[in-house]
Amino acid sequence: ELSDMSSCPRTRPTQVTPDERAKIGKLLQDPKC
């Protein structure tokens, strides 16, 4: 809870999941896009 943007999924249940984060990174760095 010390981080200003906590990475704890219990304290911030609305944050993106690791699977969604991986999809965002793949789309942003995909040459086809």
PDB file of all heavy atoms in Angstrom:
ATOM      1  N   GLU A   1       0.800  -1.210   0.000  1.00  0.00           N
ATOM      2  CA  GLU A   1       0.000   0.000   0.000  1.00  0.00           C
ATOM      3  C   GLU A   1       0.839   1.270   0.000  1.00  0.00           C
ATOM      4  O   GLU A   1       0.299   2.375  -0.024  1.00  0.00           O
ATOM      5  CB  GLU A   1      -0.919   0.017   1.225  1.00  0.00           C
ATOM      6  CG  GLU A   1      -1.932  -1.116   1.265  1.00  0.00           C
ATOM      7  CD  GLU A   1      -2.738  -1.128   2.554  1.00  0.00           C
ATOM      8  OE1 GLU A   1      -2.359  -0.395   3.499  1.00  0.00           O
ATOM      9  OE2 GLU A   1      -3.727  -1.855   2.597  1.00  0.00           O
ATOM     10  N   LEU A   2       2.170   1.143   0.031  1.00  0.00           N
ATOM     11  CA  LEU A   2       3.017   2.325   0.119  1.00  0.00           C
ATOM     12  C   LEU A   2       3.126   3.063  -1.206  1.00  0.00           C
ATOM     13  O   LEU A   2       3.308   4.282  -1.218  1.00  0.00           O
ATOM     14  CB  LEU A   2       4.420   1.927   0.610  1.00  0.00           C
ATOM     15  CG  LEU A   2       4.518   1.572   2.092  1.00  0.00           C
ATOM     16  CD1 LEU A   2       5.914   1.098   2.439  1.00  0.00           C
ATOM     17  CD2 LEU A   2       4.140   2.774   2.956  1.00  0.00           C
ATOM     18  N   SER A   3       3.045   2.355  -2.308  1.00  0.00           N
ATOM     19  CA  SER A   3       3.149   3.013  -3.612  1.00  0.00           C
ATOM     20  C   SER A   3       1.925   3.890  -3.832  1.00  0.00           C
ATOM     21  O   SER A   3       0.807   3.558  -3.422  1.00  0.00           O
ATOM     22  CB  SER A   3       3.275   1.992  -4.733  1.00  0.00           C
ATOM     23  OG  SER A   3       4.454   1.226  -4.579  1.00  0.00           O
ATOM     24  N   ASP A   4       2.168   5.039  -4.512  1.00  0.00           N
ATOM     25  CA  ASP A   4       1.046   5.916  -4.829  1.00  0.00           C
ATOM     26  C   ASP A   4       0.043   5.207  -5.733  1.00  0.00           C
ATOM     27  O   ASP A   4      -1.145   5.479  -5.674  1.00  0.00           O
ATOM     28  CB  ASP A   4       1.556   7.186  -5.517  1.00  0.00           C
ATOM     29  CG  ASP A   4       2.279   8.089  -4.530  1.00  0.00           C
ATOM     30  OD1 ASP A   4       2.349   7.721  -3.354  1.00  0.00           O
ATOM     31  OD2 ASP A   4       2.767   9.152  -4.939  1.00  0.00           O
ATOM     32  N   MET A   5       0.548   4.355  -6.582  1.00  0.00           N
ATOM     33  CA  MET A   5      -0.320   3.520  -7.420  1.00  0.00           C
ATOM     34  C   MET A   5      -0.032   2.078  -7.031  1.00  0.00           C
ATOM     35  O   MET A   5       0.855   1.429  -7.589  1.00  0.00           O
ATOM     36  CB  MET A   5      -0.049   3.771  -8.898  1.00  0.00           C
ATOM     37  CG  MET A   5      -0.299   5.211  -9.313  1.00  0.00           C
ATOM     38  SD  MET A   5      -0.087   5.463 -11.070  1.00  0.00           S
ATOM     39  CE  MET A   5      -1.435   4.481 -11.686  1.00  0.00           C
ATOM     40  N   SER A   6      -0.715   1.610  -6.031  1.00  0.00           N
ATOM     41  CA  SER A   6      -0.429   0.306  -5.454  1.00  0.00           C
ATOM     42  C   SER A   6      -0.636  -0.800  -6.479  1.00  0.00           C
ATOM     43  O   SER A   6      -1.549  -0.761  -7.303  1.00  0.00           O
ATOM     44  CB  SER A   6      -1.339   0.058  -4.250  1.00  0.00           C
ATOM     45  OG  SER A   6      -1.126  -1.237  -3.746  1.00  0.00           O
ATOM     46  N   SER A   7       0.255  -1.779  -6.431  1.00  0.00           N
ATOM     47  CA  SER A   7       0.138  -2.933  -7.324  1.00  0.00           C
ATOM     48  C   SER A   7      -0.631  -4.087  -6.687  1.00  0.00           C
ATOM     49  O   SER A   7      -0.780  -5.135  -7.310  1.00  0.00           O
ATOM     50  CB  SER A   7       1.545  -3.418  -7.709  1.00  0.00           C
ATOM     51  OG  SER A   7       2.274  -3.784  -6.553  1.00  0.00           O
ATOM     52  N   CYS A   8      -1.096  -3.901  -5.473  1.00  0.00           N
ATOM     53  CA  CYS A   8      -1.829  -4.976  -4.800  1.00  0.00           C
ATOM     54  C   CYS A   8      -3.222  -5.102  -5.413  1.00  0.00           C
ATOM     55  O   CYS A   8      -3.983  -4.123  -5.440  1.00  0.00           O
ATOM     56  CB  CYS A   8      -1.938  -4.672  -3.307  1.00  0.00           C
ATOM     57  SG  CYS A   8      -2.807  -5.965  -2.383  1.00  0.00           S
ATOM     58  N   PRO A   9      -3.578  -6.256  -5.923  1.00  0.00           N
ATOM     59  CA  PRO A   9      -4.901  -6.379  -6.553  1.00  0.00           C
ATOM     60  C   PRO A   9      -6.035  -6.255  -5.561  1.00  0.00           C
ATOM     61  O   PRO A   9      -7.172  -5.963  -5.947  1.00  0.00           O
ATOM     62  CB  PRO A   9      -4.845  -7.779  -7.180  1.00  0.00           C
ATOM     63  CG  PRO A   9      -3.817  -8.520  -6.406  1.00  0.00           C
ATOM     64  CD  PRO A   9      -2.807  -7.506  -5.979  1.00  0.00           C
ATOM     65  N   ARG A  10      -5.771  -6.456  -4.273  1.00  0.00           N
ATOM     66  CA  ARG A  10      -6.843  -6.344  -3.282  1.00  0.00           C
ATOM     67  C   ARG A  10      -7.141  -4.885  -2.951  1.00  0.00           C
ATOM     68  O   ARG A  10      -8.290  -4.508  -2.721  1.00  0.00           O
ATOM     69  CB  ARG A  10      -6.468  -7.103  -2.016  1.00  0.00           C
ATOM     70  CG  ARG A  10      -6.357  -8.603  -2.240  1.00  0.00           C
ATOM     71  CD  ARG A  10      -6.117  -9.336  -0.934  1.00  0.00           C
ATOM     72  NE  ARG A  10      -6.060 -10.774  -1.146  1.00  0.00           N
ATOM     73  CZ  ARG A  10      -5.885 -11.657  -0.165  1.00  0.00           C
ATOM     74  NH1 ARG A  10      -5.736 -11.248   1.088  1.00  0.00           N
ATOM     75  NH2 ARG A  10      -5.836 -12.963  -0.435  1.00  0.00           N
ATOM     76  N   THR A  11      -6.093  -4.062  -2.891  1.00  0.00           N
ATOM     77  CA  THR A  11      -6.315  -2.649  -2.599  1.00  0.00           C
ATOM     78  C   THR A  11      -6.786  -1.893  -3.827  1.00  0.00           C
ATOM     79  O   THR A  11      -7.456  -0.869  -3.692  1.00  0.00           O
ATOM     80  CB  THR A  11      -5.017  -2.016  -2.077  1.00  0.00           C
ATOM     81  OG1 THR A  11      -3.976  -2.195  -3.058  1.00  0.00           O
ATOM     82  CG2 THR A  11      -4.591  -2.665  -0.779  1.00  0.00           C
ATOM     83  N   ARG A  12      -6.462  -2.373  -5.023  1.00  0.00           N
ATOM     84  CA  ARG A  12      -6.907  -1.733  -6.260  1.00  0.00           C
ATOM     85  C   ARG A  12      -7.523  -2.796  -7.171  1.00  0.00           C
ATOM     86  O   ARG A  12      -6.912  -3.255  -8.134  1.00  0.00           O
ATOM     87  CB  ARG A  12      -5.738  -1.053  -6.974  1.00  0.00           C
ATOM     88  CG  ARG A  12      -5.171   0.140  -6.206  1.00  0.00           C
ATOM     89  CD  ARG A  12      -4.050   0.818  -6.961  1.00  0.00           C
ATOM     90  NE  ARG A  12      -4.554   1.434  -8.183  1.00  0.00           N
ATOM     91  CZ  ARG A  12      -4.233   1.015  -9.415  1.00  0.00           C
ATOM     92  NH1 ARG A  12      -3.440  -0.019  -9.564  1.00  0.00           N
ATOM     93  NH2 ARG A  12      -4.704   1.634 -10.478  1.00  0.00           N
ATOM     94  N   PRO A  13      -8.727  -3.195  -6.882  1.00  0.00           N
ATOM     95  CA  PRO A  13      -9.324  -4.289  -7.666  1.00  0.00           C
ATOM     96  C   PRO A  13      -9.710  -3.876  -9.080  1.00  0.00           C
ATOM     97  O   PRO A  13      -9.977  -4.739  -9.913  1.00  0.00           O
ATOM     98  CB  PRO A  13     -10.569  -4.665  -6.843  1.00  0.00           C
ATOM     99  CG  PRO A  13     -10.909  -3.431  -6.088  1.00  0.00           C
ATOM    100  CD  PRO A  13      -9.606  -2.748  -5.793  1.00  0.00           C
ATOM    101  N   THR A  14      -9.725  -2.557  -9.383  1.00  0.00           N
ATOM    102  CA  THR A  14     -10.128  -2.115 -10.727  1.00  0.00           C
ATOM    103  C   THR A  14      -8.959  -2.038 -11.702  1.00  0.00           C
ATOM    104  O   THR A  14      -9.166  -1.697 -12.865  1.00  0.00           O
ATOM    105  CB  THR A  14     -10.781  -0.730 -10.637  1.00  0.00           C
ATOM    106  OG1 THR A  14      -9.861   0.206 -10.050  1.00  0.00           O
ATOM    107  CG2 THR A  14     -12.046  -0.784  -9.800  1.00  0.00           C
ATOM    108  N   GLN A  15      -7.740  -2.332 -11.241  1.00  0.00           N
ATOM    109  CA  GLN A  15      -6.597  -2.244 -12.140  1.00  0.00           C
ATOM    110  C   GLN A  15      -6.635  -3.396 -13.154  1.00  0.00           C
ATOM    111  O   GLN A  15      -7.274  -4.425 -12.943  1.00  0.00           O
ATOM    112  CB  GLN A  15      -5.296  -2.300 -11.344  1.00  0.00           C
ATOM    113  CG  GLN A  15      -5.075  -3.618 -10.609  1.00  0.00           C
ATOM    114  CD  GLN A  15      -3.764  -3.631  -9.859  1.00  0.00           C
ATOM    115  OE1 GLN A  15      -2.801  -3.025 -10.287  1.00  0.00           O
ATOM    116  NE2 GLN A  15      -3.737  -4.311  -8.728  1.00  0.00           N
ATOM    117  N   VAL A  16      -5.927  -3.171 -14.272  1.00  0.00           N
ATOM    118  CA  VAL A  16      -5.915  -4.179 -15.326  1.00  0.00           C
ATOM    119  C   VAL A  16      -5.167  -5.409 -14.836  1.00  0.00           C
ATOM    120  O   VAL A  16      -4.216  -5.325 -14.047  1.00  0.00           O
ATOM    121  CB  VAL A  16      -5.261  -3.623 -16.601  1.00  0.00           C
ATOM    122  CG1 VAL A  16      -6.090  -2.521 -17.207  1.00  0.00           C
ATOM    123  CG2 VAL A  16      -3.846  -3.123 -16.322  1.00  0.00           C
ATOM    124  N   THR A  17      -5.572  -6.533 -15.328  1.00  0.00           N
ATOM    125  CA  THR A  17      -4.931  -7.796 -14.946  1.00  0.00           C
ATOM    126  C   THR A  17      -3.639  -7.973 -15.735  1.00  0.00           C
ATOM    127  O   THR A  17      -3.418  -7.294 -16.753  1.00  0.00           O
ATOM    128  CB  THR A  17      -5.886  -8.961 -15.230  1.00  0.00           C
ATOM    129  OG1 THR A  17      -6.157  -9.002 -16.641  1.00  0.00           O
ATOM    130  CG2 THR A  17      -7.186  -8.790 -14.456  1.00  0.00           C
ATOM    131  N   PRO A  18      -2.760  -8.870 -15.286  1.00  0.00           N
ATOM    132  CA  PRO A  18      -1.537  -9.120 -16.066  1.00  0.00           C
ATOM    133  C   PRO A  18      -1.818  -9.565 -17.491  1.00  0.00           C
ATOM    134  O   PRO A  18      -1.062  -9.205 -18.409  1.00  0.00           O
ATOM    135  CB  PRO A  18      -0.839 -10.217 -15.246  1.00  0.00           C
ATOM    136  CG  PRO A  18      -1.339 -10.035 -13.857  1.00  0.00           C
ATOM    137  CD  PRO A  18      -2.748  -9.570 -13.989  1.00  0.00           C
ATOM    138  N   ASP A  19      -2.887 -10.318 -17.710  1.00  0.00           N
ATOM    139  CA  ASP A  19      -3.216 -10.745 -19.065  1.00  0.00           C
ATOM    140  C   ASP A  19      -3.608  -9.550 -19.930  1.00  0.00           C
ATOM    141  O   ASP A  19      -3.175  -9.425 -21.080  1.00  0.00           O
ATOM    142  CB  ASP A  19      -4.360 -11.758 -19.012  1.00  0.00           C
ATOM    143  CG  ASP A  19      -4.674 -12.343 -20.381  1.00  0.00           C
ATOM    144  OD1 ASP A  19      -3.729 -12.490 -21.176  1.00  0.00           O
ATOM    145  OD2 ASP A  19      -5.847 -12.639 -20.657  1.00  0.00           O
ATOM    146  N   GLU A  20      -4.402  -8.641 -19.379  1.00  0.00           N
ATOM    147  CA  GLU A  20      -4.784  -7.442 -20.136  1.00  0.00           C
ATOM    148  C   GLU A  20      -3.571  -6.547 -20.386  1.00  0.00           C
ATOM    149  O   GLU A  20      -3.444  -5.953 -21.458  1.00  0.00           O
ATOM    150  CB  GLU A  20      -5.854  -6.674 -19.361  1.00  0.00           C
ATOM    151  CG  GLU A  20      -7.200  -7.379 -19.305  1.00  0.00           C
ATOM    152  CD  GLU A  20      -8.186  -6.620 -18.457  1.00  0.00           C
ATOM    153  OE1 GLU A  20      -7.764  -6.035 -17.437  1.00  0.00           O
ATOM    154  OE2 GLU A  20      -9.377  -6.612 -18.805  1.00  0.00           O
ATOM    155  N   ARG A  21      -2.670  -6.460 -19.397  1.00  0.00           N
ATOM    156  CA  ARG A  21      -1.469  -5.648 -19.580  1.00  0.00           C
ATOM    157  C   ARG A  21      -0.603  -6.209 -20.702  1.00  0.00           C
ATOM    158  O   ARG A  21      -0.039  -5.455 -21.512  1.00  0.00           O
ATOM    159  CB  ARG A  21      -0.687  -5.588 -18.271  1.00  0.00           C
ATOM    160  CG  ARG A  21       0.449  -4.570 -18.281  1.00  0.00           C
ATOM    161  CD  ARG A  21       1.225  -4.594 -16.990  1.00  0.00           C
ATOM    162  NE  ARG A  21       0.368  -4.331 -15.843  1.00  0.00           N
ATOM    163  CZ  ARG A  21       0.054  -5.202 -14.910  1.00  0.00           C
ATOM    164  NH1 ARG A  21       0.522  -6.454 -15.003  1.00  0.00           N
ATOM    165  NH2 ARG A  21      -0.707  -4.876 -13.888  1.00  0.00           N
ATOM    166  N   ALA A  22      -0.495  -7.523 -20.764  1.00  0.00           N
ATOM    167  CA  ALA A  22       0.290  -8.141 -21.837  1.00  0.00           C
ATOM    168  C   ALA A  22      -0.350  -7.893 -23.206  1.00  0.00           C
ATOM    169  O   ALA A  22       0.358  -7.644 -24.203  1.00  0.00           O
ATOM    170  CB  ALA A  22       0.441  -9.637 -21.572  1.00  0.00           C
ATOM    171  N   LYS A  23      -1.674  -7.932 -23.283  1.00  0.00           N
ATOM    172  CA  LYS A  23      -2.345  -7.668 -24.554  1.00  0.00           C
ATOM    173  C   LYS A  23      -2.140  -6.226 -24.999  1.00  0.00           C
ATOM    174  O   LYS A  23      -1.920  -5.953 -26.192  1.00  0.00           O
ATOM    175  CB  LYS A  23      -3.842  -7.962 -24.413  1.00  0.00           C
ATOM    176  CG  LYS A  23      -4.179  -9.440 -24.275  1.00  0.00           C
ATOM    177  CD  LYS A  23      -5.680  -9.649 -24.151  1.00  0.00           C
ATOM    178  CE  LYS A  23      -6.020 -11.135 -24.007  1.00  0.00           C
ATOM    179  NZ  LYS A  23      -7.494 -11.344 -23.858  1.00  0.00           N
ATOM    180  N   ILE A  24      -2.181  -5.283 -24.056  1.00  0.00           N
ATOM    181  CA  ILE A  24      -1.961  -3.873 -24.399  1.00  0.00           C
ATOM    182  C   ILE A  24      -0.554  -3.665 -24.936  1.00  0.00           C
ATOM    183  O   ILE A  24      -0.338  -2.986 -25.954  1.00  0.00           O
ATOM    184  CB  ILE A  24      -2.220  -2.985 -23.165  1.00  0.00           C
ATOM    185  CG1 ILE A  24      -3.708  -3.008 -22.811  1.00  0.00           C
ATOM    186  CG2 ILE A  24      -1.769  -1.564 -23.411  1.00  0.00           C
ATOM    187  CD1 ILE A  24      -4.044  -2.260 -21.532  1.00  0.00           C
ATOM    188  N   GLY A  25       0.437  -4.263 -24.265  1.00  0.00           N
ATOM    189  CA  GLY A  25       1.810  -4.126 -24.748  1.00  0.00           C
ATOM    190  C   GLY A  25       2.012  -4.753 -26.114  1.00  0.00           C
ATOM    191  O   GLY A  25       2.735  -4.210 -26.953  1.00  0.00           O
ATOM    192  N   LYS A  26       1.368  -5.877 -26.364  1.00  0.00           N
ATOM    193  CA  LYS A  26       1.501  -6.540 -27.659  1.00  0.00           C
ATOM    194  C   LYS A  26       0.868  -5.710 -28.767  1.00  0.00           C
ATOM    195  O   LYS A  26       1.438  -5.581 -29.863  1.00  0.00           O
ATOM    196  CB  LYS A  26       0.858  -7.923 -27.589  1.00  0.00           C
ATOM    197  CG  LYS A  26       1.033  -8.744 -28.861  1.00  0.00           C
ATOM    198  CD  LYS A  26       0.427 -10.133 -28.698  1.00  0.00           C
ATOM    199  CE  LYS A  26       0.606 -10.953 -29.983  1.00  0.00           C
ATOM    200  NZ  LYS A  26       0.018 -12.301 -29.854  1.00  0.00           N
ATOM    201  N   LEU A  27      -0.290  -5.111 -28.510  1.00  0.00           N
ATOM    202  CA  LEU A  27      -0.953  -4.291 -29.523  1.00  0.00           C
ATOM    203  C   LEU A  27      -0.161  -3.018 -29.813  1.00  0.00           C
ATOM    204  O   LEU A  27      -0.053  -2.589 -30.973  1.00  0.00           O
ATOM    205  CB  LEU A  27      -2.368  -3.939 -29.064  1.00  0.00           C
ATOM    206  CG  LEU A  27      -3.382  -5.082 -29.049  1.00  0.00           C
ATOM    207  CD1 LEU A  27      -4.688  -4.622 -28.412  1.00  0.00           C
ATOM    208  CD2 LEU A  27      -3.637  -5.583 -30.465  1.00  0.00           C
ATOM    209  N   LEU A  28       0.373  -2.408 -28.777  1.00  0.00           N
ATOM    210  CA  LEU A  28       1.113  -1.170 -28.979  1.00  0.00           C
ATOM    211  C   LEU A  28       2.394  -1.389 -29.765  1.00  0.00           C
ATOM    212  O   LEU A  28       2.817  -0.503 -30.522  1.00  0.00           O
ATOM    213  CB  LEU A  28       1.442  -0.529 -27.620  1.00  0.00           C
ATOM    214  CG  LEU A  28       0.272   0.103 -26.867  1.00  0.00           C
ATOM    215  CD1 LEU A  28       0.704   0.515 -25.473  1.00  0.00           C
ATOM    216  CD2 LEU A  28      -0.274   1.304 -27.629  1.00  0.00           C
ATOM    217  N   GLN A  29       3.024  -2.527 -29.615  1.00  0.00           N
ATOM    218  CA  GLN A  29       4.302  -2.788 -30.267  1.00  0.00           C
ATOM    219  C   GLN A  29       4.179  -3.681 -31.496  1.00  0.00           C
ATOM    220  O   GLN A  29       5.200  -4.087 -32.058  1.00  0.00           O
ATOM    221  CB  GLN A  29       5.261  -3.433 -29.261  1.00  0.00           C
ATOM    222  CG  GLN A  29       5.501  -2.581 -28.027  1.00  0.00           C
ATOM    223  CD  GLN A  29       6.391  -3.274 -27.012  1.00  0.00           C
ATOM    224  OE1 GLN A  29       7.621  -3.171 -27.072  1.00  0.00           O
ATOM    225  NE2 GLN A  29       5.770  -3.997 -26.094  1.00  0.00           N
ATOM    226  N   ASP A  30       2.960  -3.979 -31.903  1.00  0.00           N
ATOM    227  CA  ASP A  30       2.750  -4.828 -33.071  1.00  0.00           C
ATOM    228  C   ASP A  30       2.955  -4.013 -34.345  1.00  0.00           C
ATOM    229  O   ASP A  30       2.296  -2.989 -34.551  1.00  0.00           O
ATOM    230  CB  ASP A  30       1.335  -5.397 -33.045  1.00  0.00           C
ATOM    231  CG  ASP A  30       1.146  -6.488 -34.101  1.00  0.00           C
ATOM    232  OD1 ASP A  30       2.095  -6.750 -34.866  1.00  0.00           O
ATOM    233  OD2 ASP A  30       0.044  -7.071 -34.156  1.00  0.00           O
ATOM    234  N   PRO A  31       3.879  -4.422 -35.253  1.00  0.00           N
ATOM    235  CA  PRO A  31       4.079  -3.665 -36.496  1.00  0.00           C
ATOM    236  C   PRO A  31       2.829  -3.628 -37.374  1.00  0.00           C
ATOM    237  O   PRO A  31       2.660  -2.690 -38.160  1.00  0.00           O
ATOM    238  CB  PRO A  31       5.228  -4.415 -37.178  1.00  0.00           C
ATOM    239  CG  PRO A  31       5.915  -5.155 -36.084  1.00  0.00           C
ATOM    240  CD  PRO A  31       4.842  -5.516 -35.110  1.00  0.00           C
ATOM    241  N   LYS A  32       1.942  -4.612 -37.255  1.00  0.00           N
ATOM    242  CA  LYS A  32       0.738  -4.617 -38.069  1.00  0.00           C
ATOM    243  C   LYS A  32      -0.236  -3.506 -37.652  1.00  0.00           C
ATOM    244  O   LYS A  32      -1.119  -3.151 -38.441  1.00  0.00           O
ATOM    245  CB  LYS A  32       0.038  -5.973 -37.946  1.00  0.00           C
ATOM    246  CG  LYS A  32       0.860  -7.136 -38.485  1.00  0.00           C
ATOM    247  CD  LYS A  32       0.098  -8.438 -38.342  1.00  0.00           C
ATOM    248  CE  LYS A  32       0.925  -9.620 -38.875  1.00  0.00           C
ATOM    249  NZ  LYS A  32       0.212 -10.904 -38.731  1.00  0.00           N
ATOM    250  N   CYS A  33      -0.061  -2.979 -36.452  1.00  0.00           N
ATOM    251  CA  CYS A  33      -0.929  -1.900 -35.971  1.00  0.00           C
ATOM    252  C   CYS A  33      -0.228  -0.541 -36.003  1.00  0.00           C
ATOM    253  O   CYS A  33      -0.694   0.418 -35.364  1.00  0.00           O
ATOM    254  CB  CYS A  33      -1.400  -2.188 -34.552  1.00  0.00           C
ATOM    255  SG  CYS A  33      -2.338  -3.718 -34.365  1.00  0.00           S
TER     256      CYS A  33
END
